[in-house]
Amino acid sequence: MAPGTSLSVLEISAIFLSITALLTYVNHRFIGLPTTIGVMVISMLLSIGALFSTSFAWF
């Protein structure tokens, strides 16, 4: 993607759908919680991890 261009609604939706599908697979394969709860827990952990990683400036 070239600098200065923005993502369309379709592209953002596709990204979120792909992330949700990946989280659902991880939950089903390794964790075993009900789908809604598993995706919510994993996404909360990823969000907290993203907050901490930005505060430590790892990337």
C-alpha atoms as a PDB file:
ATOM      1  CA  MET A   1       0.000   0.000   0.000  1.00  0.00           C
ATOM      2  CA  ALA A   2       1.393   3.366  -1.008  1.00  0.00           C
ATOM      3  CA  PRO A   3       1.964   6.064   1.612  1.00  0.00           C
ATOM      4  CA  GLY A   4      -0.920   8.468   1.973  1.00  0.00           C
ATOM      5  CA  THR A   5      -3.607   6.037   0.871  1.00  0.00           C
ATOM      6  CA  SER A   6      -6.308   4.875   3.227  1.00  0.00           C
ATOM      7  CA  LEU A   7      -8.050   1.548   3.543  1.00  0.00           C
ATOM      8  CA  SER A   8     -11.579   1.190   2.271  1.00  0.00           C
ATOM      9  CA  VAL A   9     -14.402  -0.150   4.401  1.00  0.00           C
ATOM     10  CA  LEU A  10     -14.271  -3.425   2.472  1.00  0.00           C
ATOM     11  CA  GLU A  11     -10.556  -3.878   3.187  1.00  0.00           C
ATOM     12  CA  ILE A  12     -10.971  -3.103   6.885  1.00  0.00           C
ATOM     13  CA  SER A  13     -13.881  -5.541   7.085  1.00  0.00           C
ATOM     14  CA  ALA A  14     -11.810  -8.241   5.387  1.00  0.00           C
ATOM     15  CA  ILE A  15      -8.950  -7.702   7.839  1.00  0.00           C
ATOM     16  CA  PHE A  16     -11.255  -7.956  10.865  1.00  0.00           C
ATOM     17  CA  LEU A  17     -12.986 -11.024   9.463  1.00  0.00           C
ATOM     18  CA  SER A  18      -9.639 -12.731   8.848  1.00  0.00           C
ATOM     19  CA  ILE A  19      -8.418 -11.943  12.355  1.00  0.00           C
ATOM     20  CA  THR A  20     -11.677 -13.271  13.825  1.00  0.00           C
ATOM     21  CA  ALA A  21     -11.400 -16.483  11.814  1.00  0.00           C
ATOM     22  CA  LEU A  22      -7.815 -16.967  13.007  1.00  0.00           C
ATOM     23  CA  LEU A  23      -8.818 -16.385  16.643  1.00  0.00           C
ATOM     24  CA  THR A  24     -11.731 -18.805  16.277  1.00  0.00           C
ATOM     25  CA  TYR A  25      -9.395 -21.480  14.915  1.00  0.00           C
ATOM     26  CA  VAL A  26      -6.926 -20.974  17.769  1.00  0.00           C
ATOM     27  CA  ASN A  27      -9.761 -21.199  20.278  1.00  0.00           C
ATOM     28  CA  HIS A  28     -11.243 -24.320  18.726  1.00  0.00           C
ATOM     29  CA  ARG A  29      -7.898 -26.080  18.294  1.00  0.00           C
ATOM     30  CA  PHE A  30      -6.091 -25.216  21.507  1.00  0.00           C
ATOM     31  CA  ILE A  31      -8.346 -23.595  24.115  1.00  0.00           C
ATOM     32  CA  GLY A  32     -11.793 -25.153  23.737  1.00  0.00           C
ATOM     33  CA  LEU A  33     -13.966 -22.372  25.140  1.00  0.00           C
ATOM     34  CA  PRO A  34     -17.338 -21.585  23.567  1.00  0.00           C
ATOM     35  CA  THR A  35     -16.734 -19.628  20.369  1.00  0.00           C
ATOM     36  CA  THR A  36     -17.981 -16.210  21.488  1.00  0.00           C
ATOM     37  CA  ILE A  37     -16.224 -16.308  24.832  1.00  0.00           C
ATOM     38  CA  GLY A  38     -13.003 -17.691  23.377  1.00  0.00           C
ATOM     39  CA  VAL A  39     -12.720 -15.020  20.689  1.00  0.00           C
ATOM     40  CA  MET A  40     -13.488 -12.301  23.241  1.00  0.00           C
ATOM     41  CA  VAL A  41     -10.874 -13.570  25.716  1.00  0.00           C
ATOM     42  CA  ILE A  42      -8.163 -13.966  23.074  1.00  0.00           C
ATOM     43  CA  SER A  43      -8.852 -10.539  21.565  1.00  0.00           C
ATOM     44  CA  MET A  44      -8.777  -8.932  25.020  1.00  0.00           C
ATOM     45  CA  LEU A  45      -5.404 -10.552  25.689  1.00  0.00           C
ATOM     46  CA  LEU A  46      -4.072  -9.403  22.315  1.00  0.00           C
ATOM     47  CA  SER A  47      -5.322  -5.861  22.980  1.00  0.00           C
ATOM     48  CA  ILE A  48      -3.671  -5.756  26.378  1.00  0.00           C
ATOM     49  CA  GLY A  49      -0.491  -7.116  24.834  1.00  0.00           C
ATOM     50  CA  ALA A  50      -0.596  -4.439  22.145  1.00  0.00           C
ATOM     51  CA  LEU A  51      -1.006  -1.733  24.782  1.00  0.00           C
ATOM     52  CA  PHE A  52       1.967  -2.994  26.760  1.00  0.00           C
ATOM     53  CA  SER A  53       4.126  -3.472  23.678  1.00  0.00           C
ATOM     54  CA  THR A  54       3.567   0.126  22.596  1.00  0.00           C
ATOM     55  CA  SER A  55       4.366   1.421  26.071  1.00  0.00           C
ATOM     56  CA  PHE A  56       7.682  -0.473  26.016  1.00  0.00           C
ATOM     57  CA  ALA A  57       8.381   0.634  22.409  1.00  0.00           C
ATOM     58  CA  TRP A  58       9.241  -2.856  21.157  1.00  0.00           C
ATOM     59  CA  PHE A  59       8.352  -1.935  17.599  1.00  0.00           C
END
